[in-house]
Amino acid sequence: MSTDDKRIREFAYQIWESEGRPDGQEHRHWEMARKLAEAEAMAPSTPPKATRAASPKPAAKPKAAAKPAAAAPVTPPGEKAAAGASSAVKKPRAPRKPPAL
């Protein structure tokens, strides 16, 4: 048995399994598997090289560690936030309107 036949057999089995192992579909599964194997054989063996614009190199990490940002003050539940911190509090969303008929 050639490598191509083994690959077709593998594809056919995967198709049969994915469809819930139906009876009487061998010919259709085999044809689908044959087409998949042909497409796989026609595809390039290595992916095409990406251009620099499409995949830029990741930026180098800075050698010196940045100073951590000051933590926001924590307001205990039940207490109002300070006047300056109230802008950081999100408003609750309005309820959705029913769809128009």
PDB file of N, CA and C in Angstrom:
ATOM      1  N   MET A   1       0.850  -1.167   0.000  1.00  0.00           N
ATOM      2  CA  MET A   1       0.000   0.000   0.000  1.00  0.00           C
ATOM      3  C   MET A   1       0.899   1.235   0.000  1.00  0.00           C
ATOM      4  N   SER A   2       0.625   2.166  -0.880  1.00  0.00           N
ATOM      5  CA  SER A   2       1.454   3.362  -0.992  1.00  0.00           C
ATOM      6  C   SER A   2       1.119   4.349   0.133  1.00  0.00           C
ATOM      7  N   THR A   3       1.980   5.340   0.251  1.00  0.00           N
ATOM      8  CA  THR A   3       1.776   6.380   1.255  1.00  0.00           C
ATOM      9  C   THR A   3       0.499   7.148   0.972  1.00  0.00           C
ATOM     10  N   ASP A   4       0.214   7.389  -0.317  1.00  0.00           N
ATOM     11  CA  ASP A   4      -1.005   8.091  -0.693  1.00  0.00           C
ATOM     12  C   ASP A   4      -2.247   7.310  -0.268  1.00  0.00           C
ATOM     13  N   ASP A   5      -2.227   6.005  -0.483  1.00  0.00           N
ATOM     14  CA  ASP A   5      -3.369   5.170  -0.099  1.00  0.00           C
ATOM     15  C   ASP A   5      -3.562   5.176   1.417  1.00  0.00           C
ATOM     16  N   LYS A   6      -2.475   5.166   2.155  1.00  0.00           N
ATOM     17  CA  LYS A   6      -2.571   5.205   3.619  1.00  0.00           C
ATOM     18  C   LYS A   6      -3.179   6.522   4.073  1.00  0.00           C
ATOM     19  N   ARG A   7      -2.749   7.620   3.435  1.00  0.00           N
ATOM     20  CA  ARG A   7      -3.275   8.936   3.801  1.00  0.00           C
ATOM     21  C   ARG A   7      -4.763   9.032   3.473  1.00  0.00           C
ATOM     22  N   ILE A   8      -5.171   8.513   2.324  1.00  0.00           N
ATOM     23  CA  ILE A   8      -6.587   8.511   1.940  1.00  0.00           C
ATOM     24  C   ILE A   8      -7.384   7.692   2.949  1.00  0.00           C
ATOM     25  N   ARG A   9      -6.848   6.545   3.343  1.00  0.00           N
ATOM     26  CA  ARG A   9      -7.521   5.694   4.324  1.00  0.00           C
ATOM     27  C   ARG A   9      -7.693   6.443   5.655  1.00  0.00           C
ATOM     28  N   GLU A  10      -6.650   7.164   6.079  1.00  0.00           N
ATOM     29  CA  GLU A  10      -6.719   7.933   7.321  1.00  0.00           C
ATOM     30  C   GLU A  10      -7.792   9.012   7.240  1.00  0.00           C
ATOM     31  N   PHE A  11      -7.813   9.737   6.121  1.00  0.00           N
ATOM     32  CA  PHE A  11      -8.825  10.779   5.923  1.00  0.00           C
ATOM     33  C   PHE A  11     -10.231  10.176   5.921  1.00  0.00           C
ATOM     34  N   ALA A  12     -10.414   9.084   5.211  1.00  0.00           N
ATOM     35  CA  ALA A  12     -11.730   8.447   5.128  1.00  0.00           C
ATOM     36  C   ALA A  12     -12.196   8.016   6.514  1.00  0.00           C
ATOM     37  N   TYR A  13     -11.283   7.476   7.304  1.00  0.00           N
ATOM     38  CA  TYR A  13     -11.645   7.045   8.654  1.00  0.00           C
ATOM     39  C   TYR A  13     -12.035   8.253   9.510  1.00  0.00           C
ATOM     40  N   GLN A  14     -11.287   9.351   9.402  1.00  0.00           N
ATOM     41  CA  GLN A  14     -11.605  10.556  10.162  1.00  0.00           C
ATOM     42  C   GLN A  14     -12.969  11.109   9.764  1.00  0.00           C
ATOM     43  N   ILE A  15     -13.271  11.086   8.476  1.00  0.00           N
ATOM     44  CA  ILE A  15     -14.571  11.569   7.999  1.00  0.00           C
ATOM     45  C   ILE A  15     -15.679  10.677   8.546  1.00  0.00           C
ATOM     46  N   TRP A  16     -15.487   9.365   8.470  1.00  0.00           N
ATOM     47  CA  TRP A  16     -16.468   8.399   8.957  1.00  0.00           C
ATOM     48  C   TRP A  16     -16.725   8.618  10.450  1.00  0.00           C
ATOM     49  N   GLU A  17     -15.648   8.799  11.219  1.00  0.00           N
ATOM     50  CA  GLU A  17     -15.766   9.043  12.656  1.00  0.00           C
ATOM     51  C   GLU A  17     -16.510  10.351  12.925  1.00  0.00           C
ATOM     52  N   SER A  18     -16.159  11.413  12.190  1.00  0.00           N
ATOM     53  CA  SER A  18     -16.755  12.728  12.440  1.00  0.00           C
ATOM     54  C   SER A  18     -18.244  12.757  12.110  1.00  0.00           C
ATOM     55  N   GLU A  19     -18.692  11.878  11.228  1.00  0.00           N
ATOM     56  CA  GLU A  19     -20.115  11.832  10.863  1.00  0.00           C
ATOM     57  C   GLU A  19     -20.901  10.846  11.726  1.00  0.00           C
ATOM     58  N   GLY A  20     -20.259  10.289  12.745  1.00  0.00           N
ATOM     59  CA  GLY A  20     -20.971   9.392  13.638  1.00  0.00           C
ATOM     60  C   GLY A  20     -20.991   7.952  13.184  1.00  0.00           C
ATOM     61  N   ARG A  21     -20.041   7.540  12.374  1.00  0.00           N
ATOM     62  CA  ARG A  21     -19.887   6.163  11.889  1.00  0.00           C
ATOM     63  C   ARG A  21     -21.129   5.625  11.163  1.00  0.00           C
ATOM     64  N   PRO A  22     -21.619   6.352  10.151  1.00  0.00           N
ATOM     65  CA  PRO A  22     -22.800   5.874   9.434  1.00  0.00           C
ATOM     66  C   PRO A  22     -22.469   4.683   8.522  1.00  0.00           C
ATOM     67  N   ASP A  23     -23.459   3.818   8.317  1.00  0.00           N
ATOM     68  CA  ASP A  23     -23.298   2.675   7.410  1.00  0.00           C
ATOM     69  C   ASP A  23     -23.636   3.107   5.982  1.00  0.00           C
ATOM     70  N   GLY A  24     -22.998   2.486   5.011  1.00  0.00           N
ATOM     71  CA  GLY A  24     -23.324   2.711   3.602  1.00  0.00           C
ATOM     72  C   GLY A  24     -22.776   3.987   2.998  1.00  0.00           C
ATOM     73  N   GLN A  25     -21.838   4.648   3.631  1.00  0.00           N
ATOM     74  CA  GLN A  25     -21.291   5.896   3.110  1.00  0.00           C
ATOM     75  C   GLN A  25     -19.827   5.762   2.704  1.00  0.00           C
ATOM     76  N   GLU A  26     -19.360   4.515   2.560  1.00  0.00           N
ATOM     77  CA  GLU A  26     -17.937   4.279   2.309  1.00  0.00           C
ATOM     78  C   GLU A  26     -17.443   4.964   1.040  1.00  0.00           C
ATOM     79  N   HIS A  27     -18.232   4.853  -0.034  1.00  0.00           N
ATOM     80  CA  HIS A  27     -17.805   5.416  -1.315  1.00  0.00           C
ATOM     81  C   HIS A  27     -17.687   6.938  -1.209  1.00  0.00           C
ATOM     82  N   ARG A  28     -18.659   7.581  -0.595  1.00  0.00           N
ATOM     83  CA  ARG A  28     -18.632   9.040  -0.460  1.00  0.00           C
ATOM     84  C   ARG A  28     -17.466   9.470   0.419  1.00  0.00           C
ATOM     85  N   HIS A  29     -17.245   8.756   1.518  1.00  0.00           N
ATOM     86  CA  HIS A  29     -16.123   9.083   2.407  1.00  0.00           C
ATOM     87  C   HIS A  29     -14.788   8.905   1.690  1.00  0.00           C
ATOM     88  N   TRP A  30     -14.676   7.840   0.910  1.00  0.00           N
ATOM     89  CA  TRP A  30     -13.436   7.576   0.194  1.00  0.00           C
ATOM     90  C   TRP A  30     -13.148   8.679  -0.830  1.00  0.00           C
ATOM     91  N   GLU A  31     -14.192   9.124  -1.551  1.00  0.00           N
ATOM     92  CA  GLU A  31     -14.013  10.191  -2.541  1.00  0.00           C
ATOM     93  C   GLU A  31     -13.634  11.506  -1.868  1.00  0.00           C
ATOM     94  N   MET A  32     -14.272  11.820  -0.741  1.00  0.00           N
ATOM     95  CA  MET A  32     -13.918  13.036  -0.010  1.00  0.00           C
ATOM     96  C   MET A  32     -12.467  12.960   0.460  1.00  0.00           C
ATOM     97  N   ALA A  33     -12.074  11.800   0.954  1.00  0.00           N
ATOM     98  CA  ALA A  33     -10.713  11.608   1.445  1.00  0.00           C
ATOM     99  C   ALA A  33      -9.704  11.711   0.306  1.00  0.00           C
ATOM    100  N   ARG A  34     -10.048  11.177  -0.854  1.00  0.00           N
ATOM    101  CA  ARG A  34      -9.154  11.249  -2.006  1.00  0.00           C
ATOM    102  C   ARG A  34      -8.927  12.701  -2.410  1.00  0.00           C
ATOM    103  N   LYS A  35     -10.018  13.497  -2.411  1.00  0.00           N
ATOM    104  CA  LYS A  35      -9.899  14.909  -2.770  1.00  0.00           C
ATOM    105  C   LYS A  35      -9.063  15.666  -1.742  1.00  0.00           C
ATOM    106  N   LEU A  36      -9.241  15.355  -0.465  1.00  0.00           N
ATOM    107  CA  LEU A  36      -8.439  15.994   0.577  1.00  0.00           C
ATOM    108  C   LEU A  36      -6.958  15.653   0.421  1.00  0.00           C
ATOM    109  N   ALA A  37      -6.670  14.394   0.121  1.00  0.00           N
ATOM    110  CA  ALA A  37      -5.280  13.967  -0.049  1.00  0.00           C
ATOM    111  C   ALA A  37      -4.648  14.646  -1.263  1.00  0.00           C
ATOM    112  N   GLU A  38      -5.429  14.797  -2.339  1.00  0.00           N
ATOM    113  CA  GLU A  38      -4.912  15.484  -3.525  1.00  0.00           C
ATOM    114  C   GLU A  38      -4.616  16.949  -3.206  1.00  0.00           C
ATOM    115  N   ALA A  39      -5.526  17.602  -2.483  1.00  0.00           N
ATOM    116  CA  ALA A  39      -5.320  19.005  -2.127  1.00  0.00           C
ATOM    117  C   ALA A  39      -4.101  19.154  -1.220  1.00  0.00           C
ATOM    118  N   GLU A  40      -3.931  18.206  -0.304  1.00  0.00           N
ATOM    119  CA  GLU A  40      -2.782  18.239   0.587  1.00  0.00           C
ATOM    120  C   GLU A  40      -1.483  18.069  -0.194  1.00  0.00           C
ATOM    121  N   ALA A  41      -1.496  17.197  -1.202  1.00  0.00           N
ATOM    122  CA  ALA A  41      -0.305  16.952  -2.006  1.00  0.00           C
ATOM    123  C   ALA A  41       0.036  18.171  -2.869  1.00  0.00           C
ATOM    124  N   MET A  42      -0.991  18.927  -3.283  1.00  0.00           N
ATOM    125  CA  MET A  42      -0.774  20.094  -4.139  1.00  0.00           C
ATOM    126  C   MET A  42      -0.316  21.309  -3.329  1.00  0.00           C
ATOM    127  N   ALA A  43      -0.592  21.328  -2.039  1.00  0.00           N
ATOM    128  CA  ALA A  43      -0.232  22.462  -1.196  1.00  0.00           C
ATOM    129  C   ALA A  43       1.277  22.495  -1.008  1.00  0.00           C
ATOM    130  N   PRO A  44       1.836  23.687  -0.869  1.00  0.00           N
ATOM    131  CA  PRO A  44       3.283  23.769  -0.638  1.00  0.00           C
ATOM    132  C   PRO A  44       3.642  23.123   0.699  1.00  0.00           C
ATOM    133  N   SER A  45       4.796  22.492   0.751  1.00  0.00           N
ATOM    134  CA  SER A  45       5.196  21.782   1.963  1.00  0.00           C
ATOM    135  C   SER A  45       5.589  22.728   3.082  1.00  0.00           C
ATOM    136  N   THR A  46       6.061  23.937   2.742  1.00  0.00           N
ATOM    137  CA  THR A  46       6.412  24.917   3.761  1.00  0.00           C
ATOM    138  C   THR A  46       5.553  26.157   3.544  1.00  0.00           C
ATOM    139  N   PRO A  47       5.156  26.815   4.624  1.00  0.00           N
ATOM    140  CA  PRO A  47       4.356  28.025   4.452  1.00  0.00           C
ATOM    141  C   PRO A  47       5.188  29.124   3.809  1.00  0.00           C
ATOM    142  N   PRO A  48       4.554  30.013   3.049  1.00  0.00           N
ATOM    143  CA  PRO A  48       5.305  31.092   2.399  1.00  0.00           C
ATOM    144  C   PRO A  48       5.907  32.013   3.451  1.00  0.00           C
ATOM    145  N   LYS A  49       7.072  32.588   3.107  1.00  0.00           N
ATOM    146  CA  LYS A  49       7.738  33.495   4.032  1.00  0.00           C
ATOM    147  C   LYS A  49       6.943  34.790   4.127  1.00  0.00           C
ATOM    148  N   ALA A  50       6.788  35.264   5.332  1.00  0.00           N
ATOM    149  CA  ALA A  50       6.053  36.512   5.553  1.00  0.00           C
ATOM    150  C   ALA A  50       6.984  37.694   5.299  1.00  0.00           C
ATOM    151  N   THR A  51       6.412  38.768   4.835  1.00  0.00           N
ATOM    152  CA  THR A  51       7.200  39.970   4.602  1.00  0.00           C
ATOM    153  C   THR A  51       7.378  40.700   5.926  1.00  0.00           C
ATOM    154  N   ARG A  52       8.340  41.601   5.962  1.00  0.00           N
ATOM    155  CA  ARG A  52       8.582  42.347   7.197  1.00  0.00           C
ATOM    156  C   ARG A  52       7.368  43.163   7.596  1.00  0.00           C
ATOM    157  N   ALA A  53       6.676  43.750   6.654  1.00  0.00           N
ATOM    158  CA  ALA A  53       5.523  44.579   6.980  1.00  0.00           C
ATOM    159  C   ALA A  53       4.394  43.742   7.574  1.00  0.00           C
ATOM    160  N   ALA A  54       4.255  42.517   7.146  1.00  0.00           N
ATOM    161  CA  ALA A  54       3.161  41.674   7.625  1.00  0.00           C
ATOM    162  C   ALA A  54       3.432  41.124   9.013  1.00  0.00           C
ATOM    163  N   SER A  55       4.671  40.851   9.346  1.00  0.00           N
ATOM    164  CA  SER A  55       4.971  40.287  10.661  1.00  0.00           C
ATOM    165  C   SER A  55       6.198  40.969  11.260  1.00  0.00           C
ATOM    166  N   PRO A  56       5.962  42.101  11.924  1.00  0.00           N
ATOM    167  CA  PRO A  56       7.103  42.806  12.507  1.00  0.00           C
ATOM    168  C   PRO A  56       7.680  42.018  13.675  1.00  0.00           C
ATOM    169  N   LYS A  57       8.985  42.261  13.926  1.00  0.00           N
ATOM    170  CA  LYS A  57       9.640  41.586  15.031  1.00  0.00           C
ATOM    171  C   LYS A  57       9.125  42.191  16.335  1.00  0.00           C
ATOM    172  N   PRO A  58       9.044  41.382  17.379  1.00  0.00           N
ATOM    173  CA  PRO A  58       8.591  41.929  18.648  1.00  0.00           C
ATOM    174  C   PRO A  58       9.605  42.937  19.187  1.00  0.00           C
ATOM    175  N   ALA A  59       9.101  43.961  19.850  1.00  0.00           N
ATOM    176  CA  ALA A  59       9.973  45.004  20.385  1.00  0.00           C
ATOM    177  C   ALA A  59      10.795  44.441  21.524  1.00  0.00           C
ATOM    178  N   ALA A  60      12.023  44.915  21.627  1.00  0.00           N
ATOM    179  CA  ALA A  60      12.909  44.462  22.693  1.00  0.00           C
ATOM    180  C   ALA A  60      12.422  45.040  24.018  1.00  0.00           C
ATOM    181  N   LYS A  61      12.533  44.234  25.062  1.00  0.00           N
ATOM    182  CA  LYS A  61      12.110  44.690  26.382  1.00  0.00           C
ATOM    183  C   LYS A  61      13.161  45.652  26.925  1.00  0.00           C
ATOM    184  N   PRO A  62      12.732  46.674  27.642  1.00  0.00           N
ATOM    185  CA  PRO A  62      13.708  47.598  28.210  1.00  0.00           C
ATOM    186  C   PRO A  62      14.518  46.894  29.290  1.00  0.00           C
ATOM    187  N   LYS A  63      15.786  47.269  29.380  1.00  0.00           N
ATOM    188  CA  LYS A  63      16.671  46.622  30.347  1.00  0.00           C
ATOM    189  C   LYS A  63      16.363  47.072  31.766  1.00  0.00           C
ATOM    190  N   ALA A  64      16.049  48.340  31.939  1.00  0.00           N
ATOM    191  CA  ALA A  64      15.734  48.842  33.271  1.00  0.00           C
ATOM    192  C   ALA A  64      14.247  48.643  33.529  1.00  0.00           C
ATOM    193  N   ALA A  65      13.922  48.156  34.707  1.00  0.00           N
ATOM    194  CA  ALA A  65      12.518  47.932  35.040  1.00  0.00           C
ATOM    195  C   ALA A  65      11.836  49.270  35.263  1.00  0.00           C
ATOM    196  N   ALA A  66      10.663  49.425  34.709  1.00  0.00           N
ATOM    197  CA  ALA A  66       9.908  50.658  34.867  1.00  0.00           C
ATOM    198  C   ALA A  66       9.329  50.710  36.276  1.00  0.00           C
ATOM    199  N   LYS A  67       9.158  51.922  36.774  1.00  0.00           N
ATOM    200  CA  LYS A  67       8.583  52.074  38.106  1.00  0.00           C
ATOM    201  C   LYS A  67       7.111  51.698  38.052  1.00  0.00           C
ATOM    202  N   PRO A  68       6.626  50.956  39.043  1.00  0.00           N
ATOM    203  CA  PRO A  68       5.214  50.590  39.021  1.00  0.00           C
ATOM    204  C   PRO A  68       4.343  51.825  39.218  1.00  0.00           C
ATOM    205  N   ALA A  69       3.208  51.829  38.576  1.00  0.00           N
ATOM    206  CA  ALA A  69       2.274  52.942  38.677  1.00  0.00           C
ATOM    207  C   ALA A  69       1.653  52.947  40.062  1.00  0.00           C
ATOM    208  N   ALA A  70       1.275  54.123  40.520  1.00  0.00           N
ATOM    209  CA  ALA A  70       0.654  54.240  41.835  1.00  0.00           C
ATOM    210  C   ALA A  70      -0.703  53.543  41.795  1.00  0.00           C
ATOM    211  N   ALA A  71      -0.981  52.760  42.820  1.00  0.00           N
ATOM    212  CA  ALA A  71      -2.235  52.032  42.890  1.00  0.00           C
ATOM    213  C   ALA A  71      -3.364  53.000  43.217  1.00  0.00           C
ATOM    214  N   ALA A  72      -4.523  52.762  42.624  1.00  0.00           N
ATOM    215  CA  ALA A  72      -5.692  53.593  42.891  1.00  0.00           C
ATOM    216  C   ALA A  72      -6.179  53.302  44.300  1.00  0.00           C
ATOM    217  N   PRO A  73      -6.657  54.325  44.995  1.00  0.00           N
ATOM    218  CA  PRO A  73      -7.137  54.096  46.343  1.00  0.00           C
ATOM    219  C   PRO A  73      -8.381  53.202  46.328  1.00  0.00           C
ATOM    220  N   VAL A  74      -8.472  52.355  47.327  1.00  0.00           N
ATOM    221  CA  VAL A  74      -9.585  51.430  47.429  1.00  0.00           C
ATOM    222  C   VAL A  74     -10.633  52.028  48.352  1.00  0.00           C
ATOM    223  N   THR A  75     -11.878  52.072  47.881  1.00  0.00           N
ATOM    224  CA  THR A  75     -12.973  52.585  48.689  1.00  0.00           C
ATOM    225  C   THR A  75     -13.764  51.405  49.226  1.00  0.00           C
ATOM    226  N   PRO A  76     -13.928  51.300  50.536  1.00  0.00           N
ATOM    227  CA  PRO A  76     -14.694  50.188  51.094  1.00  0.00           C
ATOM    228  C   PRO A  76     -16.143  50.239  50.629  1.00  0.00           C
ATOM    229  N   PRO A  77     -16.805  49.084  50.552  1.00  0.00           N
ATOM    230  CA  PRO A  77     -18.209  49.080  50.133  1.00  0.00           C
ATOM    231  C   PRO A  77     -19.057  49.916  51.082  1.00  0.00           C
ATOM    232  N   GLY A  78     -20.019  50.610  50.550  1.00  0.00           N
ATOM    233  CA  GLY A  78     -20.918  51.420  51.358  1.00  0.00           C
ATOM    234  C   GLY A  78     -20.447  52.852  51.527  1.00  0.00           C
ATOM    235  N   GLU A  79     -19.203  53.170  51.191  1.00  0.00           N
ATOM    236  CA  GLU A  79     -18.704  54.534  51.312  1.00  0.00           C
ATOM    237  C   GLU A  79     -18.645  55.169  49.930  1.00  0.00           C
ATOM    238  N   LYS A  80     -18.853  56.462  49.890  1.00  0.00           N
ATOM    239  CA  LYS A  80     -18.790  57.178  48.627  1.00  0.00           C
ATOM    240  C   LYS A  80     -17.339  57.442  48.271  1.00  0.00           C
ATOM    241  N   ALA A  81     -17.057  57.403  46.980  1.00  0.00           N
ATOM    242  CA  ALA A  81     -15.706  57.677  46.505  1.00  0.00           C
ATOM    243  C   ALA A  81     -15.448  59.170  46.580  1.00  0.00           C
ATOM    244  N   ALA A  82     -14.197  59.560  46.612  1.00  0.00           N
ATOM    245  CA  ALA A  82     -13.822  60.966  46.636  1.00  0.00           C
ATOM    246  C   ALA A  82     -14.266  61.634  45.348  1.00  0.00           C
ATOM    247  N   ALA A  83     -14.407  62.939  45.374  1.00  0.00           N
ATOM    248  CA  ALA A  83     -14.922  63.681  44.219  1.00  0.00           C
ATOM    249  C   ALA A  83     -14.071  63.460  42.984  1.00  0.00           C
ATOM    250  N   GLY A  84     -12.743  63.413  43.115  1.00  0.00           N
ATOM    251  CA  GLY A  84     -11.869  63.230  41.965  1.00  0.00           C
ATOM    252  C   GLY A  84     -11.929  61.823  41.410  1.00  0.00           C
ATOM    253  N   ALA A  85     -12.242  60.834  42.222  1.00  0.00           N
ATOM    254  CA  ALA A  85     -12.258  59.443  41.785  1.00  0.00           C
ATOM    255  C   ALA A  85     -13.608  59.028  41.215  1.00  0.00           C
ATOM    256  N   SER A  86     -14.622  59.905  41.306  1.00  0.00           N
ATOM    257  CA  SER A  86     -15.950  59.520  40.838  1.00  0.00           C
ATOM    258  C   SER A  86     -16.002  59.325  39.331  1.00  0.00           C
ATOM    259  N   SER A  87     -15.086  59.955  38.587  1.00  0.00           N
ATOM    260  CA  SER A  87     -15.097  59.794  37.131  1.00  0.00           C
ATOM    261  C   SER A  87     -14.668  58.394  36.715  1.00  0.00           C
ATOM    262  N   ALA A  88     -13.954  57.678  37.603  1.00  0.00           N
ATOM    263  CA  ALA A  88     -13.497  56.339  37.268  1.00  0.00           C
ATOM    264  C   ALA A  88     -14.602  55.298  37.460  1.00  0.00           C
ATOM    265  N   VAL A  89     -15.672  55.660  38.179  1.00  0.00           N
ATOM    266  CA  VAL A  89     -16.765  54.731  38.434  1.00  0.00           C
ATOM    267  C   VAL A  89     -17.668  54.687  37.209  1.00  0.00           C
ATOM    268  N   LYS A  90     -17.952  53.494  36.748  1.00  0.00           N
ATOM    269  CA  LYS A  90     -18.797  53.349  35.563  1.00  0.00           C
ATOM    270  C   LYS A  90     -20.263  53.406  35.945  1.00  0.00           C
ATOM    271  N   LYS A  91     -21.068  53.973  35.060  1.00  0.00           N
ATOM    272  CA  LYS A  91     -22.505  54.014  35.266  1.00  0.00           C
ATOM    273  C   LYS A  91     -23.092  52.656  34.909  1.00  0.00           C
ATOM    274  N   PRO A  92     -24.159  52.258  35.560  1.00  0.00           N
ATOM    275  CA  PRO A  92     -24.805  50.995  35.174  1.00  0.00           C
ATOM    276  C   PRO A  92     -25.488  51.164  33.822  1.00  0.00           C
ATOM    277  N   ARG A  93     -25.562  50.086  33.098  1.00  0.00           N
ATOM    278  CA  ARG A  93     -26.200  50.132  31.780  1.00  0.00           C
ATOM    279  C   ARG A  93     -27.715  50.251  31.920  1.00  0.00           C
ATOM    280  N   ALA A  94     -28.313  50.909  30.942  1.00  0.00           N
ATOM    281  CA  ALA A  94     -29.767  51.008  30.902  1.00  0.00           C
ATOM    282  C   ALA A  94     -30.331  49.671  30.443  1.00  0.00           C
ATOM    283  N   PRO A  95     -31.535  49.324  30.903  1.00  0.00           N
ATOM    284  CA  PRO A  95     -32.122  48.051  30.460  1.00  0.00           C
ATOM    285  C   PRO A  95     -32.403  48.080  28.968  1.00  0.00           C
ATOM    286  N   ARG A  96     -32.354  46.913  28.365  1.00  0.00           N
ATOM    287  CA  ARG A  96     -32.622  46.826  26.920  1.00  0.00           C
ATOM    288  C   ARG A  96     -34.084  47.055  26.624  1.00  0.00           C
ATOM    289  N   LYS A  97     -34.304  47.690  25.487  1.00  0.00           N
ATOM    290  CA  LYS A  97     -35.663  47.911  25.040  1.00  0.00           C
ATOM    291  C   LYS A  97     -36.154  46.663  24.321  1.00  0.00           C
ATOM    292  N   PRO A  98     -37.440  46.357  24.417  1.00  0.00           N
ATOM    293  CA  PRO A  98     -37.957  45.192  23.683  1.00  0.00           C
ATOM    294  C   PRO A  98     -37.899  45.446  22.184  1.00  0.00           C
ATOM    295  N   PRO A  99     -37.707  44.408  21.398  1.00  0.00           N
ATOM    296  CA  PRO A  99     -37.621  44.603  19.940  1.00  0.00           C
ATOM    297  C   PRO A  99     -38.954  45.087  19.376  1.00  0.00           C
ATOM    298  N   ALA A 100     -38.881  45.952  18.368  1.00  0.00           N
ATOM    299  CA  ALA A 100     -40.077  46.468  17.719  1.00  0.00           C
ATOM    300  C   ALA A 100     -40.714  45.384  16.875  1.00  0.00           C
ATOM    301  N   LEU A 101     -42.005  45.358  16.905  1.00  0.00           N
ATOM    302  CA  LEU A 101     -42.731  44.342  16.119  1.00  0.00           C
ATOM    303  C   LEU A 101     -43.162  44.846  14.816  1.00  0.00           C
TER     304      LEU A 101
END
